[in-house]
Amino acid sequence: MPFDSSYRDFDRQRYIDSRDFFAGLAKVIVKEPLSTHIVRIAAPSGKTRYLVVDRSKIPAEGDIAVIRTDNGLRIGRVRRLASLKNIWGKVIWILQEA
């Protein structure tokens, strides 16, 4: 038997291990906690994507960003640096369900 204890102890240890894993992952992904947001979107494949958006970073031309439009927010590439006033935040990570 790989775990010589009760299921409750196993489940508790699994929770602690995963909590530590996600805390470590968050430190890598989220550099500026006060300006970073996680946005959930539906991907064309039907799977869920999570965008990690940092509002403190200024995107360069060609970066993926959340862009403010008259119809709300959309995701797109920054084409001209003159349109920075419409940039809501720079996408720094894209996470997708497996």
N, C-alpha and C. Protein backbone atom coordinates (compact mmCIF):
# COMPACT_ATOMS: atom_id res chain seq x y z
N MET A 1 0.84 -1.17 0.00
CA MET A 1 0.00 0.00 0.00
C MET A 1 0.90 1.24 0.00
N PRO A 2 0.70 2.16 -0.95
CA PRO A 2 1.60 3.31 -1.05
C PRO A 2 1.44 4.32 0.07
N PHE A 3 0.28 4.39 0.72
CA PHE A 3 0.06 5.36 1.79
C PHE A 3 -0.46 4.61 2.99
N ASP A 4 0.33 4.55 4.03
CA ASP A 4 -0.01 3.75 5.21
C ASP A 4 -0.65 4.63 6.28
N SER A 5 -1.87 5.07 6.01
CA SER A 5 -2.60 5.89 6.96
C SER A 5 -4.04 5.98 6.49
N SER A 6 -4.81 6.88 7.08
CA SER A 6 -6.21 6.99 6.72
C SER A 6 -6.38 7.83 5.46
N TYR A 7 -7.54 7.70 4.85
CA TYR A 7 -7.84 8.50 3.67
C TYR A 7 -7.87 9.99 4.03
N ARG A 8 -8.36 10.31 5.21
CA ARG A 8 -8.42 11.71 5.65
C ARG A 8 -7.01 12.31 5.69
N ASP A 9 -6.03 11.55 6.21
CA ASP A 9 -4.64 12.04 6.23
C ASP A 9 -4.11 12.20 4.81
N PHE A 10 -4.44 11.25 3.95
CA PHE A 10 -4.00 11.32 2.55
C PHE A 10 -4.59 12.55 1.88
N ASP A 11 -5.89 12.78 2.07
CA ASP A 11 -6.56 13.91 1.43
C ASP A 11 -5.99 15.23 1.95
N ARG A 12 -5.73 15.32 3.24
CA ARG A 12 -5.15 16.52 3.84
C ARG A 12 -3.77 16.79 3.25
N GLN A 13 -2.94 15.74 3.15
CA GLN A 13 -1.60 15.90 2.58
C GLN A 13 -1.67 16.31 1.12
N ARG A 14 -2.60 15.73 0.39
CA ARG A 14 -2.77 16.09 -1.03
C ARG A 14 -3.15 17.57 -1.15
N TYR A 15 -4.02 18.05 -0.26
CA TYR A 15 -4.42 19.46 -0.27
C TYR A 15 -3.22 20.36 0.02
N ILE A 16 -2.43 20.00 1.01
CA ILE A 16 -1.24 20.79 1.37
C ILE A 16 -0.26 20.81 0.21
N ASP A 17 -0.02 19.65 -0.41
CA ASP A 17 0.91 19.58 -1.53
C ASP A 17 0.43 20.45 -2.69
N SER A 18 -0.87 20.38 -3.04
CA SER A 18 -1.37 21.16 -4.16
C SER A 18 -1.40 22.64 -3.82
N ARG A 19 -1.70 22.98 -2.56
CA ARG A 19 -1.70 24.39 -2.15
C ARG A 19 -0.30 24.97 -2.29
N ASP A 20 0.71 24.23 -1.87
CA ASP A 20 2.09 24.70 -2.01
C ASP A 20 2.48 24.82 -3.48
N PHE A 21 2.03 23.88 -4.30
CA PHE A 21 2.32 23.92 -5.73
C PHE A 21 1.72 25.18 -6.36
N PHE A 22 0.43 25.46 -6.07
CA PHE A 22 -0.23 26.61 -6.66
C PHE A 22 0.32 27.92 -6.10
N ALA A 23 0.72 27.93 -4.85
CA ALA A 23 1.34 29.13 -4.29
C ALA A 23 2.66 29.42 -5.01
N GLY A 24 3.44 28.38 -5.28
CA GLY A 24 4.69 28.56 -6.03
C GLY A 24 4.45 29.00 -7.45
N LEU A 25 3.43 28.42 -8.08
CA LEU A 25 3.08 28.80 -9.45
C LEU A 25 2.62 30.26 -9.50
N ALA A 26 1.84 30.68 -8.52
CA ALA A 26 1.37 32.06 -8.48
C ALA A 26 2.53 33.04 -8.37
N LYS A 27 3.58 32.68 -7.63
CA LYS A 27 4.74 33.57 -7.50
C LYS A 27 5.45 33.74 -8.84
N VAL A 28 5.42 32.71 -9.68
CA VAL A 28 6.05 32.78 -10.99
C VAL A 28 5.19 33.61 -11.95
N ILE A 29 3.88 33.36 -11.93
CA ILE A 29 2.98 33.99 -12.89
C ILE A 29 2.66 35.44 -12.51
N VAL A 30 2.39 35.68 -11.25
CA VAL A 30 1.93 37.00 -10.81
C VAL A 30 3.09 37.75 -10.16
N LYS A 31 3.68 38.66 -10.91
CA LYS A 31 4.80 39.45 -10.40
C LYS A 31 4.31 40.68 -9.63
N GLU A 32 3.24 41.30 -10.09
CA GLU A 32 2.68 42.50 -9.47
C GLU A 32 1.25 42.21 -9.03
N PRO A 33 1.04 41.70 -7.82
CA PRO A 33 -0.30 41.28 -7.40
C PRO A 33 -1.36 42.37 -7.44
N LEU A 34 -0.99 43.62 -7.22
CA LEU A 34 -1.99 44.69 -7.19
C LEU A 34 -2.48 45.07 -8.58
N SER A 35 -1.72 44.76 -9.62
CA SER A 35 -2.12 45.16 -10.97
C SER A 35 -2.37 43.97 -11.89
N THR A 36 -2.38 42.76 -11.35
CA THR A 36 -2.55 41.57 -12.17
C THR A 36 -3.94 40.98 -11.97
N HIS A 37 -4.56 40.62 -13.08
CA HIS A 37 -5.91 40.07 -13.07
C HIS A 37 -5.92 38.77 -13.86
N ILE A 38 -6.77 37.84 -13.46
CA ILE A 38 -6.96 36.60 -14.21
C ILE A 38 -8.34 36.66 -14.83
N VAL A 39 -8.38 36.51 -16.15
CA VAL A 39 -9.61 36.62 -16.91
C VAL A 39 -9.90 35.27 -17.55
N ARG A 40 -11.11 34.77 -17.35
CA ARG A 40 -11.50 33.49 -17.96
C ARG A 40 -12.25 33.77 -19.25
N ILE A 41 -11.84 33.09 -20.33
CA ILE A 41 -12.52 33.25 -21.61
C ILE A 41 -12.77 31.87 -22.21
N ALA A 42 -13.71 31.80 -23.11
CA ALA A 42 -13.98 30.55 -23.84
C ALA A 42 -13.14 30.54 -25.10
N ALA A 43 -12.40 29.48 -25.32
CA ALA A 43 -11.57 29.34 -26.50
C ALA A 43 -12.41 28.76 -27.64
N PRO A 44 -12.01 28.97 -28.89
CA PRO A 44 -12.77 28.40 -30.02
C PRO A 44 -12.87 26.87 -29.94
N SER A 45 -11.92 26.23 -29.28
CA SER A 45 -11.94 24.76 -29.17
C SER A 45 -12.99 24.27 -28.17
N GLY A 46 -13.63 25.21 -27.45
CA GLY A 46 -14.61 24.83 -26.44
C GLY A 46 -14.01 24.68 -25.06
N LYS A 47 -12.70 24.71 -24.97
CA LYS A 47 -12.03 24.62 -23.68
C LYS A 47 -11.93 26.01 -23.06
N THR A 48 -11.69 26.05 -21.78
CA THR A 48 -11.58 27.33 -21.09
C THR A 48 -10.13 27.78 -21.08
N ARG A 49 -9.93 29.06 -21.35
CA ARG A 49 -8.61 29.67 -21.25
C ARG A 49 -8.63 30.70 -20.14
N TYR A 50 -7.50 30.84 -19.49
CA TYR A 50 -7.32 31.87 -18.47
C TYR A 50 -6.21 32.79 -18.94
N LEU A 51 -6.50 34.06 -19.00
CA LEU A 51 -5.49 35.05 -19.36
C LEU A 51 -5.01 35.73 -18.09
N VAL A 52 -3.71 35.80 -17.93
CA VAL A 52 -3.13 36.55 -16.82
C VAL A 52 -2.75 37.90 -17.42
N VAL A 53 -3.43 38.95 -16.95
CA VAL A 53 -3.29 40.29 -17.52
C VAL A 53 -2.65 41.21 -16.49
N ASP A 54 -1.56 41.84 -16.88
CA ASP A 54 -0.87 42.78 -15.99
C ASP A 54 -1.10 44.19 -16.51
N ARG A 55 -1.77 44.99 -15.70
CA ARG A 55 -2.09 46.36 -16.11
C ARG A 55 -0.92 47.31 -15.90
N SER A 56 0.13 46.87 -15.20
CA SER A 56 1.27 47.76 -14.96
C SER A 56 2.30 47.70 -16.08
N LYS A 57 2.17 46.73 -16.97
CA LYS A 57 3.14 46.58 -18.06
C LYS A 57 2.64 47.27 -19.32
N ILE A 58 3.52 47.96 -19.99
CA ILE A 58 3.17 48.62 -21.25
C ILE A 58 3.49 47.64 -22.38
N PRO A 59 2.49 47.28 -23.18
CA PRO A 59 2.75 46.32 -24.25
C PRO A 59 3.53 46.95 -25.40
N ALA A 60 4.28 46.12 -26.07
CA ALA A 60 5.00 46.54 -27.28
C ALA A 60 4.14 46.15 -28.48
N GLU A 61 4.50 46.68 -29.61
CA GLU A 61 3.78 46.35 -30.83
C GLU A 61 3.89 44.85 -31.09
N GLY A 62 2.75 44.21 -31.33
CA GLY A 62 2.71 42.77 -31.58
C GLY A 62 2.35 41.94 -30.35
N ASP A 63 2.38 42.54 -29.16
CA ASP A 63 1.98 41.83 -27.94
C ASP A 63 0.47 41.61 -27.93
N ILE A 64 0.04 40.59 -27.19
CA ILE A 64 -1.38 40.36 -26.98
C ILE A 64 -1.82 41.21 -25.80
N ALA A 65 -2.97 41.85 -25.96
CA ALA A 65 -3.46 42.73 -24.90
C ALA A 65 -4.98 42.68 -24.83
N VAL A 66 -5.51 43.15 -23.71
CA VAL A 66 -6.94 43.36 -23.58
C VAL A 66 -7.17 44.80 -23.97
N ILE A 67 -8.02 44.99 -24.98
CA ILE A 67 -8.22 46.30 -25.58
C ILE A 67 -9.63 46.80 -25.28
N ARG A 68 -9.73 48.03 -24.85
CA ARG A 68 -11.02 48.65 -24.54
C ARG A 68 -11.63 49.17 -25.84
N THR A 69 -12.88 48.77 -26.14
CA THR A 69 -13.60 49.25 -27.31
C THR A 69 -14.94 49.84 -26.87
N ASP A 70 -15.68 50.38 -27.80
CA ASP A 70 -17.01 50.92 -27.50
C ASP A 70 -17.96 49.82 -27.05
N ASN A 71 -17.71 48.60 -27.49
CA ASN A 71 -18.58 47.46 -27.15
C ASN A 71 -18.07 46.64 -25.97
N GLY A 72 -17.08 47.12 -25.26
CA GLY A 72 -16.52 46.39 -24.13
C GLY A 72 -15.06 46.03 -24.36
N LEU A 73 -14.60 45.01 -23.66
CA LEU A 73 -13.21 44.58 -23.78
C LEU A 73 -13.08 43.46 -24.80
N ARG A 74 -11.96 43.43 -25.52
CA ARG A 74 -11.68 42.33 -26.43
C ARG A 74 -10.19 42.01 -26.35
N ILE A 75 -9.84 40.84 -26.86
CA ILE A 75 -8.44 40.40 -26.86
C ILE A 75 -7.90 40.63 -28.28
N GLY A 76 -6.71 41.16 -28.37
CA GLY A 76 -6.12 41.36 -29.69
C GLY A 76 -4.65 41.70 -29.59
N ARG A 77 -4.01 41.78 -30.73
CA ARG A 77 -2.61 42.17 -30.80
C ARG A 77 -2.52 43.68 -30.91
N VAL A 78 -1.51 44.24 -30.29
CA VAL A 78 -1.29 45.68 -30.36
C VAL A 78 -0.67 45.96 -31.73
N ARG A 79 -1.36 46.76 -32.51
CA ARG A 79 -0.90 47.05 -33.88
C ARG A 79 -0.14 48.37 -33.96
N ARG A 80 -0.62 49.38 -33.25
CA ARG A 80 0.05 50.68 -33.27
C ARG A 80 0.26 51.13 -31.84
N LEU A 81 1.39 51.67 -31.59
CA LEU A 81 1.65 52.16 -30.24
C LEU A 81 0.87 53.44 -29.95
N ALA A 82 0.34 54.08 -30.98
CA ALA A 82 -0.46 55.29 -30.77
C ALA A 82 -1.79 54.97 -30.08
N SER A 83 -2.22 53.70 -30.12
CA SER A 83 -3.51 53.33 -29.53
C SER A 83 -3.37 52.84 -28.09
N LEU A 84 -2.29 53.19 -27.41
CA LEU A 84 -2.07 52.71 -26.04
C LEU A 84 -3.15 53.19 -25.07
N LYS A 85 -3.82 54.29 -25.37
CA LYS A 85 -4.86 54.77 -24.46
C LYS A 85 -6.02 53.79 -24.38
N ASN A 86 -6.18 52.92 -25.39
CA ASN A 86 -7.26 51.93 -25.40
C ASN A 86 -6.84 50.59 -24.81
N ILE A 87 -5.58 50.46 -24.41
CA ILE A 87 -5.09 49.19 -23.85
C ILE A 87 -5.50 49.11 -22.38
N TRP A 88 -6.21 48.04 -22.03
CA TRP A 88 -6.61 47.82 -20.64
C TRP A 88 -5.50 47.12 -19.87
N GLY A 89 -4.80 46.19 -20.51
CA GLY A 89 -3.70 45.48 -19.87
C GLY A 89 -3.00 44.55 -20.84
N LYS A 90 -1.77 44.20 -20.51
CA LYS A 90 -0.96 43.31 -21.34
C LYS A 90 -1.15 41.87 -20.86
N VAL A 91 -1.39 40.96 -21.81
CA VAL A 91 -1.51 39.53 -21.48
C VAL A 91 -0.10 38.98 -21.33
N ILE A 92 0.19 38.46 -20.12
CA ILE A 92 1.54 37.94 -19.88
C ILE A 92 1.57 36.41 -19.88
N TRP A 93 0.43 35.78 -19.65
CA TRP A 93 0.34 34.32 -19.67
C TRP A 93 -1.01 33.92 -20.25
N ILE A 94 -1.04 32.81 -20.98
CA ILE A 94 -2.30 32.20 -21.42
C ILE A 94 -2.26 30.75 -20.94
N LEU A 95 -3.21 30.39 -20.09
CA LEU A 95 -3.30 29.04 -19.55
C LEU A 95 -4.56 28.41 -20.12
N GLN A 96 -4.46 27.16 -20.57
CA GLN A 96 -5.60 26.48 -21.16
C GLN A 96 -5.77 25.11 -20.53
N GLU A 97 -7.03 24.71 -20.36
CA GLU A 97 -7.31 23.37 -19.86
C GLU A 97 -6.74 22.34 -20.80
N ALA A 98 -6.26 21.25 -20.25
CA ALA A 98 -5.70 20.17 -21.08
C ALA A 98 -6.80 19.35 -21.70
